[in-house]
Protein backbone atom coordinates (compact mmCIF):
# COMPACT_ATOMS: atom_id res chain seq x y z
CA UNK A 1 -244.04 -53.96 24.34
CA UNK A 2 -242.19 -51.16 26.04
CA UNK A 3 -239.55 -52.46 27.03
CA UNK A 4 -238.62 -53.48 23.01
CA UNK A 5 -239.48 -49.76 22.21
CA UNK A 6 -237.01 -48.80 25.41
CA UNK A 7 -234.76 -51.43 23.38
CA UNK A 8 -234.91 -49.91 20.06
CA UNK A 9 -234.85 -46.34 21.37
CA UNK A 10 -231.78 -46.96 23.78
CA UNK A 11 -229.80 -48.31 20.56
CA UNK A 12 -231.00 -45.58 18.35
CA UNK A 13 -229.09 -42.93 19.63
CA UNK A 14 -225.60 -44.98 21.04
CA UNK A 15 -223.00 -42.64 23.12
CA UNK A 16 -220.88 -42.14 20.00
CA UNK A 17 -222.54 -40.62 17.35
CA UNK A 18 -220.08 -42.02 14.70
CA UNK A 19 -220.35 -44.33 11.71
CA UNK A 20 -218.38 -47.82 12.18
CA UNK A 21 -215.27 -45.47 10.65
CA UNK A 22 -215.52 -42.42 12.50
CA UNK A 23 -213.49 -38.91 10.74
CA UNK A 24 -211.57 -36.74 11.88
CA UNK A 25 -209.54 -34.07 10.41
CA UNK A 26 -208.15 -31.29 12.77
CA UNK A 27 -205.13 -28.47 13.14
CA UNK A 28 -202.60 -28.62 15.35
CA UNK A 29 -201.17 -25.73 17.56
CA UNK A 30 -197.22 -26.90 16.18
CA UNK A 31 -198.93 -26.18 12.46
CA UNK A 32 -200.13 -29.46 11.51
CA UNK A 33 -203.11 -31.38 10.54
CA UNK A 34 -204.32 -34.33 11.70
CA UNK A 35 -206.00 -36.55 9.71
CA UNK A 36 -207.48 -40.21 11.67
CA UNK A 37 -208.05 -41.34 8.02
CA UNK A 38 -204.05 -41.32 7.57
CA UNK A 39 -203.31 -43.46 10.14
CA UNK A 40 -204.66 -46.59 9.25
CA UNK A 41 -202.82 -49.12 10.38
CA UNK A 42 -202.14 -47.99 14.20
CA UNK A 43 -204.16 -47.90 17.02
CA UNK A 44 -205.56 -44.04 18.14
CA UNK A 45 -205.95 -42.09 21.39
CA UNK A 46 -208.39 -39.75 20.11
CA UNK A 47 -209.01 -37.43 23.92
CA UNK A 48 -210.67 -34.94 25.38
CA UNK A 49 -208.58 -32.86 27.31
CA UNK A 50 -208.84 -29.03 29.12
CA UNK A 51 -205.76 -27.46 31.67
CA UNK A 52 -208.06 -26.70 34.24
CA UNK A 53 -209.28 -30.06 34.53
CA UNK A 54 -207.28 -32.24 37.34
CA UNK A 55 -207.90 -36.34 35.52
CA UNK A 56 -206.37 -34.94 32.36
CA UNK A 57 -203.83 -33.33 33.83
CA UNK A 58 -203.38 -37.09 35.82
CA UNK A 59 -204.49 -39.05 32.38
CA UNK A 60 -201.74 -36.99 29.93
CA UNK A 61 -198.30 -38.08 30.84
CA UNK A 62 -199.11 -42.09 31.12
CA UNK A 63 -201.00 -41.40 27.43
CA UNK A 64 -197.83 -39.69 25.80
CA UNK A 65 -195.84 -42.79 27.66
CA UNK A 66 -198.10 -45.40 25.98
CA UNK A 67 -197.71 -43.42 22.43
CA UNK A 68 -194.03 -42.65 22.68
CA UNK A 69 -193.37 -46.14 23.55
CA UNK A 70 -195.42 -47.70 20.38
CA UNK A 71 -195.43 -44.84 17.93
CA UNK A 72 -195.39 -47.55 15.41
CA UNK A 73 -198.04 -48.99 16.51
CA UNK A 74 -200.00 -46.06 18.67
CA UNK A 75 -200.78 -42.30 17.13
CA UNK A 76 -202.55 -39.65 19.25
CA UNK A 77 -204.90 -36.71 18.80
CA UNK A 78 -205.16 -34.25 22.01
CA UNK A 79 -208.29 -32.11 21.61
CA UNK A 80 -207.93 -29.49 23.64
CA UNK A 81 -212.04 -28.98 25.01
CA UNK A 82 -211.76 -25.07 26.68
CA UNK A 83 -212.32 -21.67 25.44
CA UNK A 84 -208.81 -21.00 25.33
CA UNK A 85 -206.25 -18.92 23.49
CA UNK A 86 -203.41 -21.47 20.55
CA UNK A 87 -200.67 -19.25 22.78
CA UNK A 88 -201.86 -19.92 26.31
CA UNK A 89 -201.79 -23.92 25.41
CA UNK A 90 -198.20 -23.77 23.77
CA UNK A 91 -197.11 -22.00 26.96
CA UNK A 92 -198.96 -24.96 29.10
CA UNK A 93 -197.28 -27.88 26.77
CA UNK A 94 -193.69 -26.40 26.77
CA UNK A 95 -194.76 -27.20 31.20
CA UNK A 96 -196.80 -31.04 30.53
CA UNK A 97 -194.81 -32.04 27.17
CA UNK A 98 -197.04 -34.10 25.35
CA UNK A 99 -195.37 -36.83 22.90
CA UNK A 100 -198.54 -36.25 20.06
CA UNK A 101 -200.21 -33.51 18.49
CA UNK A 102 -202.57 -31.01 20.23
CA UNK A 103 -205.19 -29.65 18.66
CA UNK A 104 -207.97 -26.21 20.39
CA UNK A 105 -210.90 -27.51 19.81
CA UNK A 106 -214.61 -25.43 18.70
CA UNK A 107 -216.79 -25.51 21.96
CA UNK A 108 -219.96 -24.54 19.02
CA UNK A 109 -218.83 -27.05 16.93
CA UNK A 110 -216.41 -30.46 17.86
CA UNK A 111 -216.28 -32.93 15.48
CA UNK A 112 -218.38 -34.20 14.49
CA UNK A 113 -217.84 -37.67 14.06
CA UNK A 114 -217.26 -37.63 18.60
CA UNK A 115 -219.26 -34.90 19.44
CA UNK A 116 -218.88 -32.47 22.02
CA UNK A 117 -217.06 -34.86 25.28
CA UNK A 118 -219.98 -35.89 27.69
CA UNK A 119 -217.39 -35.57 30.68
CA UNK A 120 -213.61 -34.76 30.60
CA UNK A 121 -211.22 -36.11 29.86
CA UNK A 122 -212.87 -38.26 27.28
CA UNK A 123 -211.24 -40.89 25.48
CA UNK A 124 -211.65 -42.17 22.13
CA UNK A 125 -209.96 -45.50 21.27
CA UNK A 126 -209.60 -46.39 17.54
CA UNK A 127 -208.34 -50.18 15.82
CA UNK A 128 -205.78 -50.05 13.91
CA UNK A 129 -209.25 -50.97 10.70
CA UNK A 130 -211.25 -47.56 11.76
CA UNK A 131 -213.24 -48.18 13.77
CA UNK A 132 -214.19 -47.21 17.35
CA UNK A 133 -212.71 -50.27 19.53
CA UNK A 134 -213.92 -48.13 23.00
CA UNK A 135 -214.45 -45.34 24.67
CA UNK A 136 -214.03 -44.11 28.43
CA UNK A 137 -214.95 -41.69 30.46
CA UNK A 138 -212.75 -40.27 32.68
CA UNK A 139 -209.31 -40.55 33.48
CA UNK A 140 -207.16 -43.51 32.36
CA UNK A 141 -203.51 -44.91 33.14
CA UNK A 142 -201.62 -46.69 30.57
CA UNK A 143 -203.10 -50.55 31.71
CA UNK A 144 -206.13 -49.35 30.36
CA UNK A 145 -204.64 -48.57 27.10
CA UNK A 146 -202.71 -52.39 27.29
CA UNK A 147 -206.12 -53.77 27.50
CA UNK A 148 -207.72 -51.69 24.70
CA UNK A 149 -204.99 -52.47 22.41
CA UNK A 150 -203.48 -56.06 23.42
CA UNK A 151 -199.15 -54.25 23.36
CA UNK A 152 -197.75 -54.28 26.32
């Protein structure tokens, strides 16, 4: 009985707190808006990172290259998760350019359907139908993205 209750409790508190089709609308550093709902039909990479996070910095080029190589099938949003000024992140991105938009996340109010990351980097891959396909905690490589999306 205790085992069944523990299993039910574990299922009731998933690591991903969103409904099967998460929502995300954020202002980007370039002045635009990224709306996950407008990416229907594409794989979407939602990547929480920070400038001080060395594993994050290691994975950013792989994510950027994957998105650039498959821009007709893949979109991404970088969610900078740190207390930073927009000018500082823009300066950082001049030295570390990305092929996708970046938004600074309010540490006190992270995106509702994604919540605060459990660590950095934390990446969510949303399938073309809007459902969550995979969650990664820790750095990822292009191979991980190819494996999840089936895009080579």
